Amino acid sequence: MFDFKQFAGLSFVAEGDLWAPERTGDYSTDCATGRRHAAELIEFMHQSGNAPIFGSVIRRITEKGQFDGVETGFCAQFGITLLGAVAS
């Protein structure tokens, strides 16, 4: 089990839940939200050295079974960031 206190500053984390993003129902807006959440998680990973949290968030996304704009933007931003790192 996680000590969720260490993740409390992440905007998509709710008490006891690593993936609780707010949704508007507007696909474009939700994609932008997902990209922001990914950037936030990437920064957290850099600052904390906690790379395994990425797998934990992805696991929670799949457990919830919802893959809409927020999740699309989230995954897209990770891809964009990885491509940028490879190109550097």
C-alpha atoms as a PDB file:
ATOM      1  CA  MET A   1       0.000   0.000   0.000  1.00  0.00           C
ATOM      2  CA  PHE A   2       1.107   3.556  -0.674  1.00  0.00           C
ATOM      3  CA  ASP A   3       1.690   6.383   1.699  1.00  0.00           C
ATOM      4  CA  PHE A   4      -0.474   8.805  -0.283  1.00  0.00           C
ATOM      5  CA  LYS A   5       0.878  11.807   1.642  1.00  0.00           C
ATOM      6  CA  GLN A   6       3.945  11.846  -0.626  1.00  0.00           C
ATOM      7  CA  PHE A   7       1.673  12.205  -3.666  1.00  0.00           C
ATOM      8  CA  ALA A   8      -0.756  14.722  -2.159  1.00  0.00           C
ATOM      9  CA  GLY A   9       0.668  17.585  -4.215  1.00  0.00           C
ATOM     10  CA  LEU A  10      -0.217  15.919  -7.507  1.00  0.00           C
ATOM     11  CA  SER A  11      -3.454  17.411  -8.801  1.00  0.00           C
ATOM     12  CA  PHE A  12      -4.803  14.124 -10.157  1.00  0.00           C
ATOM     13  CA  VAL A  13      -4.370  12.197  -6.892  1.00  0.00           C
ATOM     14  CA  ALA A  14      -7.198  11.920  -4.381  1.00  0.00           C
ATOM     15  CA  GLU A  15      -6.912  10.375  -0.955  1.00  0.00           C
ATOM     16  CA  GLY A  16      -6.382   6.671  -1.547  1.00  0.00           C
ATOM     17  CA  ASP A  17      -6.502   6.964  -5.346  1.00  0.00           C
ATOM     18  CA  LEU A  18      -3.540   7.567  -7.669  1.00  0.00           C
ATOM     19  CA  TRP A  19      -5.795   8.459 -10.604  1.00  0.00           C
ATOM     20  CA  ALA A  20      -8.726  10.753  -9.878  1.00  0.00           C
ATOM     21  CA  PRO A  21      -8.579  13.483 -12.544  1.00  0.00           C
ATOM     22  CA  GLU A  22     -11.345  15.987 -13.027  1.00  0.00           C
ATOM     23  CA  ARG A  23     -13.160  15.710 -16.353  1.00  0.00           C
ATOM     24  CA  THR A  24     -15.193  18.203 -18.309  1.00  0.00           C
ATOM     25  CA  GLY A  25     -16.586  15.884 -20.965  1.00  0.00           C
ATOM     26  CA  ASP A  26     -14.995  18.058 -23.640  1.00  0.00           C
ATOM     27  CA  TYR A  27     -12.402  15.892 -25.390  1.00  0.00           C
ATOM     28  CA  SER A  28      -9.971  18.708 -26.277  1.00  0.00           C
ATOM     29  CA  THR A  29     -10.109  20.243 -22.826  1.00  0.00           C
ATOM     30  CA  ASP A  30      -9.667  16.842 -21.202  1.00  0.00           C
ATOM     31  CA  CYS A  31      -6.690  16.036 -23.469  1.00  0.00           C
ATOM     32  CA  ALA A  32      -5.030  19.262 -22.343  1.00  0.00           C
ATOM     33  CA  THR A  33      -5.731  18.302 -18.733  1.00  0.00           C
ATOM     34  CA  GLY A  34      -4.135  14.899 -19.297  1.00  0.00           C
ATOM     35  CA  ARG A  35      -1.034  16.504 -20.829  1.00  0.00           C
ATOM     36  CA  ARG A  36      -0.714  18.779 -17.795  1.00  0.00           C
ATOM     37  CA  HIS A  37      -1.062  15.800 -15.450  1.00  0.00           C
ATOM     38  CA  ALA A  38       1.677  13.951 -17.338  1.00  0.00           C
ATOM     39  CA  ALA A  39       4.011  16.948 -17.179  1.00  0.00           C
ATOM     40  CA  GLU A  40       3.277  17.205 -13.461  1.00  0.00           C
ATOM     41  CA  LEU A  41       4.045  13.511 -12.912  1.00  0.00           C
ATOM     42  CA  ILE A  42       7.248  13.714 -14.977  1.00  0.00           C
ATOM     43  CA  GLU A  43       8.437  16.650 -12.866  1.00  0.00           C
ATOM     44  CA  PHE A  44       7.540  14.743  -9.683  1.00  0.00           C
ATOM     45  CA  MET A  45       9.497  11.727 -10.927  1.00  0.00           C
ATOM     46  CA  HIS A  46      12.544  13.894 -11.681  1.00  0.00           C
ATOM     47  CA  GLN A  47      12.414  15.648  -8.319  1.00  0.00           C
ATOM     48  CA  SER A  48      11.722  12.564  -6.190  1.00  0.00           C
ATOM     49  CA  GLY A  49      13.603   9.909  -8.152  1.00  0.00           C
ATOM     50  CA  ASN A  50      10.421   7.836  -7.985  1.00  0.00           C
ATOM     51  CA  ALA A  51      10.154   6.418 -11.504  1.00  0.00           C
ATOM     52  CA  PRO A  52       8.070   3.370 -10.450  1.00  0.00           C
ATOM     53  CA  ILE A  53       5.138   5.667  -9.671  1.00  0.00           C
ATOM     54  CA  PHE A  54       4.505   5.843 -13.421  1.00  0.00           C
ATOM     55  CA  GLY A  55       3.652   2.135 -13.510  1.00  0.00           C
ATOM     56  CA  SER A  56       1.430   2.519 -10.470  1.00  0.00           C
ATOM     57  CA  VAL A  57      -0.531   5.331 -12.125  1.00  0.00           C
ATOM     58  CA  ILE A  58      -0.872   3.344 -15.370  1.00  0.00           C
ATOM     59  CA  ARG A  59      -2.058   0.340 -13.391  1.00  0.00           C
ATOM     60  CA  ARG A  60      -4.717   2.497 -11.701  1.00  0.00           C
ATOM     61  CA  ILE A  61      -5.840   3.900 -15.060  1.00  0.00           C
ATOM     62  CA  THR A  62      -6.322   0.383 -16.407  1.00  0.00           C
ATOM     63  CA  GLU A  63      -8.101  -0.765 -13.238  1.00  0.00           C
ATOM     64  CA  LYS A  64     -10.617   2.035 -13.642  1.00  0.00           C
ATOM     65  CA  GLY A  65     -11.279   1.008 -17.241  1.00  0.00           C
ATOM     66  CA  GLN A  66     -11.903   4.515 -18.523  1.00  0.00           C
ATOM     67  CA  PHE A  67      -9.768   5.811 -21.385  1.00  0.00           C
ATOM     68  CA  ASP A  68     -11.032   9.144 -22.636  1.00  0.00           C
ATOM     69  CA  GLY A  69      -9.486  12.529 -23.349  1.00  0.00           C
ATOM     70  CA  VAL A  70      -7.629  12.834 -20.041  1.00  0.00           C
ATOM     71  CA  GLU A  71      -5.925   9.477 -20.492  1.00  0.00           C
ATOM     72  CA  THR A  72      -5.213  10.149 -24.169  1.00  0.00           C
ATOM     73  CA  GLY A  73      -3.515  13.446 -23.349  1.00  0.00           C
ATOM     74  CA  PHE A  74      -1.642  11.883 -20.436  1.00  0.00           C
ATOM     75  CA  CYS A  75      -0.174   9.095 -22.574  1.00  0.00           C
ATOM     76  CA  ALA A  76       0.504  11.422 -25.500  1.00  0.00           C
ATOM     77  CA  GLN A  77       2.526  13.779 -23.305  1.00  0.00           C
ATOM     78  CA  PHE A  78       4.658  10.925 -22.023  1.00  0.00           C
ATOM     79  CA  GLY A  79       5.323   9.922 -25.639  1.00  0.00           C
ATOM     80  CA  ILE A  80       6.187  13.479 -26.642  1.00  0.00           C
ATOM     81  CA  THR A  81       8.533  13.807 -23.670  1.00  0.00           C
ATOM     82  CA  LEU A  82      10.231  10.489 -24.424  1.00  0.00           C
ATOM     83  CA  LEU A  83      10.728  11.406 -28.073  1.00  0.00           C
ATOM     84  CA  GLY A  84      12.289  14.685 -27.005  1.00  0.00           C
ATOM     85  CA  ALA A  85      14.650  12.875 -24.640  1.00  0.00           C
ATOM     86  CA  VAL A  86      15.709  10.404 -27.335  1.00  0.00           C
ATOM     87  CA  ALA A  87      16.344  13.225 -29.815  1.00  0.00           C
ATOM     88  CA  SER A  88      18.563  15.102 -27.322  1.00  0.00           C
END
